[in-house]
Amino acid sequence: MPPRRKAYRWTRRIAGLIATLAFIGVGVAIASMVMPDKDSTSAAAATPTATPAKHATKKKAAAKKKPAKPKGPTKAEREALKAAIAVVRQKGYTTLKPSDYHYKSTFRVLIGRPVGDSGGGSRAFFFIKDQFLGNDALNPSTKLSVSKAQKMTVTLTYGVYAPGDTPGSPSQKKRVRFRLEGTAIHALDTIPLDSARFQRPKG
């Protein structure tokens, strides 16, 4: 065989071998891209799937929460108001506004009007908790209301007559603070005179 033809055959064999190796390399690269990573597979297997038990625990914890206390007076507080209204009634007066009675305060008050006498004026009835202490004044007032109630202090608003006012319709007002000191009631402001506080309506 001539040397030139022999060299040509070896060149073709080498080229074929290189092409085969290149094809194998491409196949290996594709396989490495398609196959899942071993570490990723292990991490996925190690991560637990959330179970309904976690949600059930949350619901159980929520169910254990104490129910909110109902707003408003307790049974004992309602009984205290009932007893205070009974005291006012025993004195011959009708309670005008039960909501004036503040359960949380030590110093409490109710405004009463003579039973069956709408023009007889009003008086304040003071209590230390559920114990009756006394009144704001010896004589009634045409118009009397509770304007502010605190733990140890109550402020009353009196209707005050000005010259020319019609009996039963005072045109002016004055606020008077009353403070509980021990078991005694002290007026911190001057109470209007009887004649300035009360005038019986005619008719």
C-alpha atoms as a PDB file:
ATOM      1  CA  MET A   1       0.000   0.000   0.000  1.00  0.00           C
ATOM      2  CA  PRO A   2       1.453   3.403  -0.924  1.00  0.00           C
ATOM      3  CA  PRO A   3       2.451   5.620   2.068  1.00  0.00           C
ATOM      4  CA  ARG A   4       0.044   8.444   1.040  1.00  0.00           C
ATOM      5  CA  ARG A   5      -3.063   6.204   1.095  1.00  0.00           C
ATOM      6  CA  LYS A   6      -2.000   4.681   4.446  1.00  0.00           C
ATOM      7  CA  ALA A   7      -1.681   8.136   6.048  1.00  0.00           C
ATOM      8  CA  TYR A   8      -5.130   9.082   4.739  1.00  0.00           C
ATOM      9  CA  ARG A   9      -6.716   6.041   6.401  1.00  0.00           C
ATOM     10  CA  TRP A  10      -5.142   6.862   9.785  1.00  0.00           C
ATOM     11  CA  THR A  11      -6.346  10.433   9.541  1.00  0.00           C
ATOM     12  CA  ARG A  12      -9.951   9.239   9.016  1.00  0.00           C
ATOM     13  CA  ARG A  13      -9.720   6.854  12.001  1.00  0.00           C
ATOM     14  CA  ILE A  14      -8.446   9.612  14.313  1.00  0.00           C
ATOM     15  CA  ALA A  15     -11.214  12.003  13.159  1.00  0.00           C
ATOM     16  CA  GLY A  16     -13.857   9.311  13.822  1.00  0.00           C
ATOM     17  CA  LEU A  17     -12.500   8.680  17.308  1.00  0.00           C
ATOM     18  CA  ILE A  18     -12.591  12.406  18.136  1.00  0.00           C
ATOM     19  CA  ALA A  19     -16.209  12.650  16.896  1.00  0.00           C
ATOM     20  CA  THR A  20     -17.204   9.644  19.046  1.00  0.00           C
ATOM     21  CA  LEU A  21     -15.614  11.172  22.157  1.00  0.00           C
ATOM     22  CA  ALA A  22     -17.370  14.481  21.497  1.00  0.00           C
ATOM     23  CA  PHE A  23     -20.735  12.713  21.171  1.00  0.00           C
ATOM     24  CA  ILE A  24     -20.189  10.877  24.474  1.00  0.00           C
ATOM     25  CA  GLY A  25     -19.248  14.178  26.196  1.00  0.00           C
ATOM     26  CA  VAL A  26     -22.455  15.846  25.016  1.00  0.00           C
ATOM     27  CA  GLY A  27     -24.494  12.905  26.333  1.00  0.00           C
ATOM     28  CA  VAL A  28     -22.861  13.133  29.771  1.00  0.00           C
ATOM     29  CA  ALA A  29     -23.554  16.882  29.963  1.00  0.00           C
ATOM     30  CA  ILE A  30     -27.226  16.412  29.088  1.00  0.00           C
ATOM     31  CA  ALA A  31     -27.588  13.636  31.660  1.00  0.00           C
ATOM     32  CA  SER A  32     -26.084  15.814  34.407  1.00  0.00           C
ATOM     33  CA  MET A  33     -28.558  18.592  33.593  1.00  0.00           C
ATOM     34  CA  VAL A  34     -31.620  16.323  33.593  1.00  0.00           C
ATOM     35  CA  MET A  35     -30.849  14.233  36.703  1.00  0.00           C
ATOM     36  CA  PRO A  36     -31.946  15.844  40.051  1.00  0.00           C
ATOM     37  CA  ASP A  37     -29.307  17.113  42.424  1.00  0.00           C
ATOM     38  CA  LYS A  38     -28.634  14.661  45.252  1.00  0.00           C
ATOM     39  CA  ASP A  39     -28.478  17.387  47.936  1.00  0.00           C
ATOM     40  CA  SER A  40     -31.734  18.977  46.765  1.00  0.00           C
ATOM     41  CA  THR A  41     -33.477  15.597  46.854  1.00  0.00           C
ATOM     42  CA  SER A  42     -32.219  14.961  50.381  1.00  0.00           C
ATOM     43  CA  ALA A  43     -33.328  18.436  51.578  1.00  0.00           C
ATOM     44  CA  ALA A  44     -36.756  17.976  50.074  1.00  0.00           C
ATOM     45  CA  ALA A  45     -37.106  14.607  51.744  1.00  0.00           C
ATOM     46  CA  ALA A  46     -35.957  16.026  55.103  1.00  0.00           C
ATOM     47  CA  THR A  47     -38.511  18.890  55.074  1.00  0.00           C
ATOM     48  CA  PRO A  48     -41.706  17.674  56.764  1.00  0.00           C
ATOM     49  CA  THR A  49     -45.047  18.447  55.232  1.00  0.00           C
ATOM     50  CA  ALA A  50     -47.339  20.679  57.288  1.00  0.00           C
ATOM     51  CA  THR A  51     -50.020  18.638  58.957  1.00  0.00           C
ATOM     52  CA  PRO A  52     -53.487  19.647  60.106  1.00  0.00           C
ATOM     53  CA  ALA A  53     -52.357  19.028  63.705  1.00  0.00           C
ATOM     54  CA  LYS A  54     -50.720  22.476  63.853  1.00  0.00           C
ATOM     55  CA  HIS A  55     -53.953  24.217  62.866  1.00  0.00           C
ATOM     56  CA  ALA A  56     -55.885  22.069  65.312  1.00  0.00           C
ATOM     57  CA  THR A  57     -53.543  23.189  68.116  1.00  0.00           C
ATOM     58  CA  LYS A  58     -54.165  26.851  67.262  1.00  0.00           C
ATOM     59  CA  LYS A  59     -57.921  26.324  67.300  1.00  0.00           C
ATOM     60  CA  LYS A  60     -57.668  24.530  70.637  1.00  0.00           C
ATOM     61  CA  ALA A  61     -55.622  27.382  72.114  1.00  0.00           C
ATOM     62  CA  ALA A  62     -58.157  29.928  70.881  1.00  0.00           C
ATOM     63  CA  ALA A  63     -60.953  27.905  72.444  1.00  0.00           C
ATOM     64  CA  LYS A  64     -59.164  27.984  75.806  1.00  0.00           C
ATOM     65  CA  LYS A  65     -59.212  31.802  75.922  1.00  0.00           C
ATOM     66  CA  LYS A  66     -61.466  33.103  78.640  1.00  0.00           C
ATOM     67  CA  PRO A  67     -64.679  34.682  77.386  1.00  0.00           C
ATOM     68  CA  ALA A  68     -64.878  38.452  77.757  1.00  0.00           C
ATOM     69  CA  LYS A  69     -66.650  39.631  80.848  1.00  0.00           C
ATOM     70  CA  PRO A  70     -70.068  41.064  80.073  1.00  0.00           C
ATOM     71  CA  LYS A  71     -70.332  44.829  80.379  1.00  0.00           C
ATOM     72  CA  GLY A  72     -72.652  46.379  82.888  1.00  0.00           C
ATOM     73  CA  PRO A  73     -73.289  45.970  86.605  1.00  0.00           C
ATOM     74  CA  THR A  74     -72.802  42.694  88.406  1.00  0.00           C
ATOM     75  CA  LYS A  75     -75.570  41.034  90.370  1.00  0.00           C
ATOM     76  CA  ALA A  76     -74.231  42.538  93.614  1.00  0.00           C
ATOM     77  CA  GLU A  77     -74.128  46.015  92.055  1.00  0.00           C
ATOM     78  CA  ARG A  78     -77.697  45.688  90.820  1.00  0.00           C
ATOM     79  CA  GLU A  79     -78.762  44.657  94.307  1.00  0.00           C
ATOM     80  CA  ALA A  80     -76.975  47.710  95.760  1.00  0.00           C
ATOM     81  CA  LEU A  81     -78.896  50.021  93.421  1.00  0.00           C
ATOM     82  CA  LYS A  82     -82.137  48.275  94.258  1.00  0.00           C
ATOM     83  CA  ALA A  83     -81.475  48.784  97.973  1.00  0.00           C
ATOM     84  CA  ALA A  84     -80.607  52.475  97.449  1.00  0.00           C
ATOM     85  CA  ILE A  85     -83.825  53.077  95.505  1.00  0.00           C
ATOM     86  CA  ALA A  86     -85.715  51.389  98.352  1.00  0.00           C
ATOM     87  CA  VAL A  87     -84.147  53.822 100.846  1.00  0.00           C
ATOM     88  CA  VAL A  88     -85.224  56.795  98.723  1.00  0.00           C
ATOM     89  CA  ARG A  89     -88.715  55.351  98.588  1.00  0.00           C
ATOM     90  CA  GLN A  90     -88.814  54.885 102.365  1.00  0.00           C
ATOM     91  CA  LYS A  91     -88.070  58.590 102.710  1.00  0.00           C
ATOM     92  CA  GLY A  92     -91.168  59.353 100.638  1.00  0.00           C
ATOM     93  CA  TYR A  93     -89.382  60.081  97.352  1.00  0.00           C
ATOM     94  CA  THR A  94     -89.271  58.571  93.879  1.00  0.00           C
ATOM     95  CA  THR A  95     -85.887  58.052  92.186  1.00  0.00           C
ATOM     96  CA  LEU A  96     -85.765  60.167  89.027  1.00  0.00           C
ATOM     97  CA  LYS A  97     -82.683  58.734  87.323  1.00  0.00           C
ATOM     98  CA  PRO A  98     -81.249  55.393  88.534  1.00  0.00           C
ATOM     99  CA  SER A  99     -78.240  55.793  86.211  1.00  0.00           C
ATOM    100  CA  ASP A 100     -76.959  58.568  88.524  1.00  0.00           C
ATOM    101  CA  TYR A 101     -75.917  55.775  90.881  1.00  0.00           C
ATOM    102  CA  HIS A 102     -72.280  54.912  90.058  1.00  0.00           C
ATOM    103  CA  TYR A 103     -71.439  51.394  91.214  1.00  0.00           C
ATOM    104  CA  LYS A 104     -67.661  51.828  91.030  1.00  0.00           C
ATOM    105  CA  SER A 105     -67.598  54.954  93.207  1.00  0.00           C
ATOM    106  CA  THR A 106     -67.377  54.944  96.981  1.00  0.00           C
ATOM    107  CA  PHE A 107     -69.509  58.109  97.169  1.00  0.00           C
ATOM    108  CA  ARG A 108     -72.827  57.564  95.385  1.00  0.00           C
ATOM    109  CA  VAL A 109     -75.944  59.654  94.838  1.00  0.00           C
ATOM    110  CA  LEU A 110     -79.552  59.462  93.672  1.00  0.00           C
ATOM    111  CA  ILE A 111     -81.962  62.333  93.007  1.00  0.00           C
ATOM    112  CA  GLY A 112     -85.487  61.907  94.359  1.00  0.00           C
ATOM    113  CA  ARG A 113     -88.785  63.782  94.081  1.00  0.00           C
ATOM    114  CA  PRO A 114     -91.707  63.536  96.558  1.00  0.00           C
ATOM    115  CA  VAL A 115     -94.064  60.703  95.673  1.00  0.00           C
ATOM    116  CA  GLY A 116     -97.200  62.093  94.005  1.00  0.00           C
ATOM    117  CA  ASP A 117     -95.931  65.692  94.061  1.00  0.00           C
ATOM    118  CA  SER A 118     -94.377  66.719  90.747  1.00  0.00           C
ATOM    119  CA  GLY A 119     -93.977  70.308  91.910  1.00  0.00           C
ATOM    120  CA  GLY A 120     -92.478  69.446  95.272  1.00  0.00           C
ATOM    121  CA  GLY A 121     -88.868  69.828  94.164  1.00  0.00           C
ATOM    122  CA  SER A 122     -85.967  67.390  94.362  1.00  0.00           C
ATOM    123  CA  ARG A 123     -83.337  66.331  96.874  1.00  0.00           C
ATOM    124  CA  ALA A 124     -80.057  64.463  96.619  1.00  0.00           C
ATOM    125  CA  PHE A 125     -79.629  61.230  98.575  1.00  0.00           C
ATOM    126  CA  PHE A 126     -76.005  60.395  99.315  1.00  0.00           C
ATOM    127  CA  PHE A 127     -74.606  56.927  99.994  1.00  0.00           C
ATOM    128  CA  ILE A 128     -71.232  55.532 100.980  1.00  0.00           C
ATOM    129  CA  LYS A 129     -71.382  52.425  98.848  1.00  0.00           C
ATOM    130  CA  ASP A 130     -74.754  50.969  99.899  1.00  0.00           C
ATOM    131  CA  GLN A 131     -75.113  52.839 103.206  1.00  0.00           C
ATOM    132  CA  PHE A 132     -77.321  55.963 103.294  1.00  0.00           C
ATOM    133  CA  LEU A 133     -75.539  59.067 104.635  1.00  0.00           C
ATOM    134  CA  GLY A 134     -77.896  62.009 104.181  1.00  0.00           C
ATOM    135  CA  ASN A 135     -79.168  64.711 101.825  1.00  0.00           C
ATOM    136  CA  ASP A 136     -77.682  67.735 100.128  1.00  0.00           C
ATOM    137  CA  ALA A 137     -79.939  70.186 102.001  1.00  0.00           C
ATOM    138  CA  LEU A 138     -82.864  70.296 104.407  1.00  0.00           C
ATOM    139  CA  ASN A 139     -85.242  71.693 101.793  1.00  0.00           C
ATOM    140  CA  PRO A 140     -85.845  70.681  98.157  1.00  0.00           C
ATOM    141  CA  SER A 141     -84.775  72.384  94.930  1.00  0.00           C
ATOM    142  CA  THR A 142     -86.947  73.017  91.881  1.00  0.00           C
ATOM    143  CA  LYS A 143     -84.273  71.719  89.528  1.00  0.00           C
ATOM    144  CA  LEU A 144     -81.469  69.455  90.668  1.00  0.00           C
ATOM    145  CA  SER A 145     -79.260  67.104  88.671  1.00  0.00           C
ATOM    146  CA  VAL A 146     -75.974  65.202  88.891  1.00  0.00           C
ATOM    147  CA  SER A 147     -73.438  66.810  86.567  1.00  0.00           C
ATOM    148  CA  LYS A 148     -70.347  64.825  87.584  1.00  0.00           C
ATOM    149  CA  ALA A 149     -69.619  61.799  89.759  1.00  0.00           C
ATOM    150  CA  GLN A 150     -66.161  60.664  90.841  1.00  0.00           C
ATOM    151  CA  LYS A 151     -64.955  58.139  93.389  1.00  0.00           C
ATOM    152  CA  MET A 152     -65.088  60.505  96.372  1.00  0.00           C
ATOM    153  CA  THR A 153     -66.705  63.645  94.920  1.00  0.00           C
ATOM    154  CA  VAL A 154     -70.124  64.405  93.428  1.00  0.00           C
ATOM    155  CA  THR A 155     -71.042  67.623  91.627  1.00  0.00           C
ATOM    156  CA  LEU A 156     -74.684  68.733  91.633  1.00  0.00           C
ATOM    157  CA  THR A 157     -76.215  71.420  89.434  1.00  0.00           C
ATOM    158  CA  TYR A 158     -78.917  73.569  91.012  1.00  0.00           C
ATOM    159  CA  GLY A 159     -81.452  75.677  89.193  1.00  0.00           C
ATOM    160  CA  VAL A 160     -81.293  79.206  90.610  1.00  0.00           C
ATOM    161  CA  TYR A 161     -84.072  81.783  90.339  1.00  0.00           C
ATOM    162  CA  ALA A 162     -83.308  85.231  89.039  1.00  0.00           C
ATOM    163  CA  PRO A 163     -85.650  88.197  89.635  1.00  0.00           C
ATOM    164  CA  GLY A 164     -88.700  87.857  87.410  1.00  0.00           C
ATOM    165  CA  ASP A 165     -88.410  84.095  86.869  1.00  0.00           C
ATOM    166  CA  THR A 166     -91.634  82.113  86.834  1.00  0.00           C
ATOM    167  CA  PRO A 167     -92.032  79.712  89.778  1.00  0.00           C
ATOM    168  CA  GLY A 168     -90.971  76.274  88.612  1.00  0.00           C
ATOM    169  CA  SER A 169     -88.632  77.657  85.915  1.00  0.00           C
ATOM    170  CA  PRO A 170     -85.329  78.986  87.297  1.00  0.00           C
ATOM    171  CA  SER A 171     -83.199  80.582  84.581  1.00  0.00           C
ATOM    172  CA  GLN A 172     -79.772  80.299  86.172  1.00  0.00           C
ATOM    173  CA  LYS A 173     -77.560  77.432  87.321  1.00  0.00           C
ATOM    174  CA  LYS A 174     -74.945  76.816  89.953  1.00  0.00           C
ATOM    175  CA  ARG A 175     -72.699  73.821  90.428  1.00  0.00           C
ATOM    176  CA  VAL A 176     -71.836  72.641  93.916  1.00  0.00           C
ATOM    177  CA  ARG A 177     -69.265  69.974  94.733  1.00  0.00           C
ATOM    178  CA  PHE A 178     -69.794  67.560  97.600  1.00  0.00           C
ATOM    179  CA  ARG A 179     -66.937  65.496  98.955  1.00  0.00           C
ATOM    180  CA  LEU A 180     -66.968  62.404 101.143  1.00  0.00           C
ATOM    181  CA  GLU A 181     -64.547  62.691 104.075  1.00  0.00           C
ATOM    182  CA  GLY A 182     -64.722  59.615 106.251  1.00  0.00           C
ATOM    183  CA  THR A 183     -68.466  59.199 106.667  1.00  0.00           C
ATOM    184  CA  ALA A 184     -69.229  62.932 106.548  1.00  0.00           C
ATOM    185  CA  ILE A 185     -70.467  64.948 103.562  1.00  0.00           C
ATOM    186  CA  HIS A 186     -68.832  68.327 102.970  1.00  0.00           C
ATOM    187  CA  ALA A 187     -70.036  70.936 100.481  1.00  0.00           C
ATOM    188  CA  LEU A 188     -66.957  72.425  98.828  1.00  0.00           C
ATOM    189  CA  ASP A 189     -69.007  75.272  97.346  1.00  0.00           C
ATOM    190  CA  THR A 190     -71.803  77.424  98.738  1.00  0.00           C
ATOM    191  CA  ILE A 191     -75.266  75.935  98.292  1.00  0.00           C
ATOM    192  CA  PRO A 192     -77.801  78.500  96.997  1.00  0.00           C
ATOM    193  CA  LEU A 193     -80.345  79.749  99.535  1.00  0.00           C
ATOM    194  CA  ASP A 194     -83.651  77.903  99.827  1.00  0.00           C
ATOM    195  CA  SER A 195     -85.572  80.826  98.307  1.00  0.00           C
ATOM    196  CA  ALA A 196     -83.188  80.903  95.337  1.00  0.00           C
ATOM    197  CA  ARG A 197     -83.490  77.144  94.764  1.00  0.00           C
ATOM    198  CA  PHE A 198     -87.185  76.453  95.192  1.00  0.00           C
ATOM    199  CA  GLN A 199     -90.450  78.146  94.238  1.00  0.00           C
ATOM    200  CA  ARG A 200     -93.523  75.997  93.978  1.00  0.00           C
ATOM    201  CA  PRO A 201     -95.322  76.347  90.639  1.00  0.00           C
ATOM    202  CA  LYS A 202     -98.818  77.841  90.838  1.00  0.00           C
ATOM    203  CA  GLY A 203    -101.817  75.730  89.967  1.00  0.00           C
END
